[in-house]
């Protein structure tokens, strides 16, 4: 599994396809998912393009960005009736879209699980530092 800086995960499925979802860490901070906006099957994306979005029970919206260049070939229809599946199994049954990979080298540029964990820790430290600065004023 690989991760993007915008918290999407990518898992290679073979045959030049990948499954894409949102990391469990990001969803833990985001809250309970109540709605998923999917890309259209057959739609083509460049790396970084918006794929869709998710909405939390609090009305917050998180945009989903394509971690790779490719074509959407399948969406997770189970999320239409059970969007909370993303919270229950974020890096498993809660996948959002499967895509055909057009630029395989983009996968290697994504973070490993260890790199993503370090990245998340850095973000948490930055948030903590910002909170401390706000208290000083």
C-alpha atoms as a PDB file:
ATOM      1  CA  UNK A   1       0.000   0.000   0.000  1.00  0.00           C
ATOM      2  CA  UNK A   2       1.179   3.536  -0.795  1.00  0.00           C
ATOM      3  CA  UNK A   3      -0.066   6.940   0.396  1.00  0.00           C
ATOM      4  CA  UNK A   4      -0.347  10.470  -0.995  1.00  0.00           C
ATOM      5  CA  UNK A   5       0.239  13.736   0.876  1.00  0.00           C
ATOM      6  CA  UNK A   6      -3.511  14.370   0.609  1.00  0.00           C
ATOM      7  CA  UNK A   7      -4.222  11.134   2.562  1.00  0.00           C
ATOM      8  CA  UNK A   8      -5.373   8.854  -0.240  1.00  0.00           C
ATOM      9  CA  UNK A   9      -4.089   5.284  -0.219  1.00  0.00           C
ATOM     10  CA  UNK A  10      -3.368   3.171  -3.267  1.00  0.00           C
ATOM     11  CA  UNK A  11      -3.222  -0.603  -3.327  1.00  0.00           C
ATOM     12  CA  UNK A  12      -2.024  -2.464  -6.406  1.00  0.00           C
ATOM     13  CA  UNK A  13      -4.444  -5.169  -7.503  1.00  0.00           C
ATOM     14  CA  UNK A  14      -2.522  -6.547 -10.466  1.00  0.00           C
ATOM     15  CA  UNK A  15      -3.277  -6.279 -14.145  1.00  0.00           C
ATOM     16  CA  UNK A  16      -2.385  -2.593 -14.091  1.00  0.00           C
ATOM     17  CA  UNK A  17      -5.205  -1.624 -11.716  1.00  0.00           C
ATOM     18  CA  UNK A  18      -5.284  -0.129  -8.233  1.00  0.00           C
ATOM     19  CA  UNK A  19      -7.862   0.481  -5.520  1.00  0.00           C
ATOM     20  CA  UNK A  20      -7.946   3.974  -3.979  1.00  0.00           C
ATOM     21  CA  UNK A  21      -9.385   5.145  -0.666  1.00  0.00           C
ATOM     22  CA  UNK A  22      -8.794   7.538   2.235  1.00  0.00           C
ATOM     23  CA  UNK A  23      -6.385   6.578   5.032  1.00  0.00           C
ATOM     24  CA  UNK A  24      -7.769   5.443   8.362  1.00  0.00           C
ATOM     25  CA  UNK A  25      -5.772   8.141  10.156  1.00  0.00           C
ATOM     26  CA  UNK A  26      -7.342  10.885   8.048  1.00  0.00           C
ATOM     27  CA  UNK A  27     -10.838   9.459   8.549  1.00  0.00           C
ATOM     28  CA  UNK A  28     -10.316   9.228  12.295  1.00  0.00           C
ATOM     29  CA  UNK A  29      -9.675  12.974  12.362  1.00  0.00           C
ATOM     30  CA  UNK A  30     -12.422  13.710   9.799  1.00  0.00           C
ATOM     31  CA  UNK A  31     -15.272  11.912  11.533  1.00  0.00           C
ATOM     32  CA  UNK A  32     -18.143   9.729  10.419  1.00  0.00           C
ATOM     33  CA  UNK A  33     -18.657   9.711   6.653  1.00  0.00           C
ATOM     34  CA  UNK A  34     -22.292  10.183   5.587  1.00  0.00           C
ATOM     35  CA  UNK A  35     -21.933  10.841   1.836  1.00  0.00           C
ATOM     36  CA  UNK A  36     -19.503   9.939  -0.940  1.00  0.00           C
ATOM     37  CA  UNK A  37     -19.301  11.719  -4.309  1.00  0.00           C
ATOM     38  CA  UNK A  38     -17.780   9.307  -6.849  1.00  0.00           C
ATOM     39  CA  UNK A  39     -15.987   9.880 -10.126  1.00  0.00           C
ATOM     40  CA  UNK A  40     -17.704   8.619 -13.269  1.00  0.00           C
ATOM     41  CA  UNK A  41     -16.575   5.220 -14.521  1.00  0.00           C
ATOM     42  CA  UNK A  42     -14.550   5.756 -17.684  1.00  0.00           C
ATOM     43  CA  UNK A  43     -13.472   9.237 -16.593  1.00  0.00           C
ATOM     44  CA  UNK A  44      -9.744   9.948 -16.974  1.00  0.00           C
ATOM     45  CA  UNK A  45      -7.666  11.751 -14.342  1.00  0.00           C
ATOM     46  CA  UNK A  46      -4.218  13.240 -14.089  1.00  0.00           C
ATOM     47  CA  UNK A  47      -2.320  12.803 -10.826  1.00  0.00           C
ATOM     48  CA  UNK A  48      -3.629  15.433  -8.372  1.00  0.00           C
ATOM     49  CA  UNK A  49      -6.965  15.994 -10.134  1.00  0.00           C
ATOM     50  CA  UNK A  50     -10.088  16.007  -7.945  1.00  0.00           C
ATOM     51  CA  UNK A  51     -11.820  12.597  -8.045  1.00  0.00           C
ATOM     52  CA  UNK A  52     -14.764  13.342  -5.791  1.00  0.00           C
ATOM     53  CA  UNK A  53     -15.407  14.132  -2.153  1.00  0.00           C
ATOM     54  CA  UNK A  54     -16.715  12.802   1.124  1.00  0.00           C
ATOM     55  CA  UNK A  55     -18.910  14.557   3.667  1.00  0.00           C
ATOM     56  CA  UNK A  56     -18.898  14.013   7.424  1.00  0.00           C
ATOM     57  CA  UNK A  57     -21.822  13.964   9.821  1.00  0.00           C
ATOM     58  CA  UNK A  58     -20.700  17.470  10.890  1.00  0.00           C
ATOM     59  CA  UNK A  59     -21.085  18.759   7.312  1.00  0.00           C
ATOM     60  CA  UNK A  60     -17.346  18.978   6.658  1.00  0.00           C
ATOM     61  CA  UNK A  61     -16.230  18.100   3.137  1.00  0.00           C
ATOM     62  CA  UNK A  62     -12.929  16.429   2.201  1.00  0.00           C
ATOM     63  CA  UNK A  63     -11.936  16.464  -1.453  1.00  0.00           C
ATOM     64  CA  UNK A  64     -10.449  13.285  -2.874  1.00  0.00           C
ATOM     65  CA  UNK A  65      -7.509  13.758  -5.250  1.00  0.00           C
ATOM     66  CA  UNK A  66      -6.258  11.217  -7.728  1.00  0.00           C
ATOM     67  CA  UNK A  67      -2.925   9.884  -6.474  1.00  0.00           C
ATOM     68  CA  UNK A  68      -2.164   8.536  -9.952  1.00  0.00           C
ATOM     69  CA  UNK A  69      -2.870   9.226 -13.619  1.00  0.00           C
ATOM     70  CA  UNK A  70      -5.423   6.817 -15.027  1.00  0.00           C
ATOM     71  CA  UNK A  71      -9.017   5.895 -15.764  1.00  0.00           C
ATOM     72  CA  UNK A  72     -11.744   5.164 -13.204  1.00  0.00           C
ATOM     73  CA  UNK A  73     -12.955   1.660 -14.002  1.00  0.00           C
ATOM     74  CA  UNK A  74     -15.139   0.841 -10.973  1.00  0.00           C
ATOM     75  CA  UNK A  75     -16.653   2.669  -8.006  1.00  0.00           C
ATOM     76  CA  UNK A  76     -17.524   1.064  -4.691  1.00  0.00           C
ATOM     77  CA  UNK A  77     -21.314   0.947  -5.003  1.00  0.00           C
ATOM     78  CA  UNK A  78     -21.584  -0.393  -1.428  1.00  0.00           C
ATOM     79  CA  UNK A  79     -20.650   3.106  -0.186  1.00  0.00           C
ATOM     80  CA  UNK A  80     -23.817   4.580  -1.698  1.00  0.00           C
ATOM     81  CA  UNK A  81     -26.021   2.809   0.838  1.00  0.00           C
ATOM     82  CA  UNK A  82     -23.378   2.451   3.579  1.00  0.00           C
ATOM     83  CA  UNK A  83     -20.911   5.375   3.446  1.00  0.00           C
ATOM     84  CA  UNK A  84     -19.922   4.574   7.053  1.00  0.00           C
ATOM     85  CA  UNK A  85     -18.131   1.532   5.605  1.00  0.00           C
ATOM     86  CA  UNK A  86     -15.259   3.969   5.005  1.00  0.00           C
ATOM     87  CA  UNK A  87     -14.929   4.458   8.783  1.00  0.00           C
ATOM     88  CA  UNK A  88     -15.408   0.766   9.587  1.00  0.00           C
ATOM     89  CA  UNK A  89     -12.885  -0.502   7.027  1.00  0.00           C
ATOM     90  CA  UNK A  90     -11.047   2.534   5.572  1.00  0.00           C
ATOM     91  CA  UNK A  91      -8.141   0.630   4.058  1.00  0.00           C
ATOM     92  CA  UNK A  92     -10.151  -2.411   3.023  1.00  0.00           C
ATOM     93  CA  UNK A  93     -13.845  -2.609   2.114  1.00  0.00           C
ATOM     94  CA  UNK A  94     -14.090   1.202   2.309  1.00  0.00           C
ATOM     95  CA  UNK A  95     -12.208   1.739  -0.967  1.00  0.00           C
ATOM     96  CA  UNK A  96     -13.704   4.424  -3.214  1.00  0.00           C
ATOM     97  CA  UNK A  97     -12.609   3.758  -6.776  1.00  0.00           C
ATOM     98  CA  UNK A  98     -10.549   1.327  -8.808  1.00  0.00           C
ATOM     99  CA  UNK A  99      -8.427   2.793 -11.555  1.00  0.00           C
ATOM    100  CA  UNK A 100      -6.332   1.652 -14.479  1.00  0.00           C
ATOM    101  CA  UNK A 101      -2.771   2.957 -14.007  1.00  0.00           C
ATOM    102  CA  UNK A 102      -1.457   4.964 -16.975  1.00  0.00           C
ATOM    103  CA  UNK A 103       1.889   6.050 -15.428  1.00  0.00           C
ATOM    104  CA  UNK A 104       3.256   3.203 -13.249  1.00  0.00           C
ATOM    105  CA  UNK A 105       6.251   5.230 -12.012  1.00  0.00           C
ATOM    106  CA  UNK A 106       3.819   7.509 -10.120  1.00  0.00           C
ATOM    107  CA  UNK A 107       3.163   4.619  -7.725  1.00  0.00           C
ATOM    108  CA  UNK A 108       6.813   4.560  -6.649  1.00  0.00           C
ATOM    109  CA  UNK A 109       6.698   8.283  -5.851  1.00  0.00           C
ATOM    110  CA  UNK A 110       3.925   7.741  -3.284  1.00  0.00           C
ATOM    111  CA  UNK A 111       4.826   7.225   0.390  1.00  0.00           C
ATOM    112  CA  UNK A 112       5.374   3.815   1.943  1.00  0.00           C
ATOM    113  CA  UNK A 113       3.380   3.072   5.129  1.00  0.00           C
ATOM    114  CA  UNK A 114       6.436   4.021   7.216  1.00  0.00           C
ATOM    115  CA  UNK A 115       6.948   7.294   5.316  1.00  0.00           C
ATOM    116  CA  UNK A 116       3.249   8.118   5.673  1.00  0.00           C
ATOM    117  CA  UNK A 117       3.365   7.477   9.412  1.00  0.00           C
ATOM    118  CA  UNK A 118       6.339   9.875   9.709  1.00  0.00           C
ATOM    119  CA  UNK A 119       4.470  12.424   7.567  1.00  0.00           C
ATOM    120  CA  UNK A 120       1.392  12.169   9.806  1.00  0.00           C
ATOM    121  CA  UNK A 121       3.538  12.647  12.922  1.00  0.00           C
ATOM    122  CA  UNK A 122       5.063  15.790  11.385  1.00  0.00           C
ATOM    123  CA  UNK A 123       1.577  17.142  10.650  1.00  0.00           C
ATOM    124  CA  UNK A 124       0.448  16.441  14.208  1.00  0.00           C
ATOM    125  CA  UNK A 125       3.507  18.238  15.583  1.00  0.00           C
ATOM    126  CA  UNK A 126       2.803  21.238  13.333  1.00  0.00           C
ATOM    127  CA  UNK A 127      -0.818  21.345  14.557  1.00  0.00           C
ATOM    128  CA  UNK A 128       0.398  21.146  18.144  1.00  0.00           C
ATOM    129  CA  UNK A 129       2.879  23.980  17.546  1.00  0.00           C
ATOM    130  CA  UNK A 130       0.127  26.137  16.006  1.00  0.00           C
ATOM    131  CA  UNK A 131      -2.141  25.497  19.004  1.00  0.00           C
ATOM    132  CA  UNK A 132       0.635  26.607  21.367  1.00  0.00           C
ATOM    133  CA  UNK A 133       1.192  29.813  19.357  1.00  0.00           C
ATOM    134  CA  UNK A 134      -2.524  30.654  19.500  1.00  0.00           C
ATOM    135  CA  UNK A 135      -2.528  30.299  23.293  1.00  0.00           C
ATOM    136  CA  UNK A 136       0.297  32.831  23.612  1.00  0.00           C
ATOM    137  CA  UNK A 137      -1.821  35.677  22.207  1.00  0.00           C
END
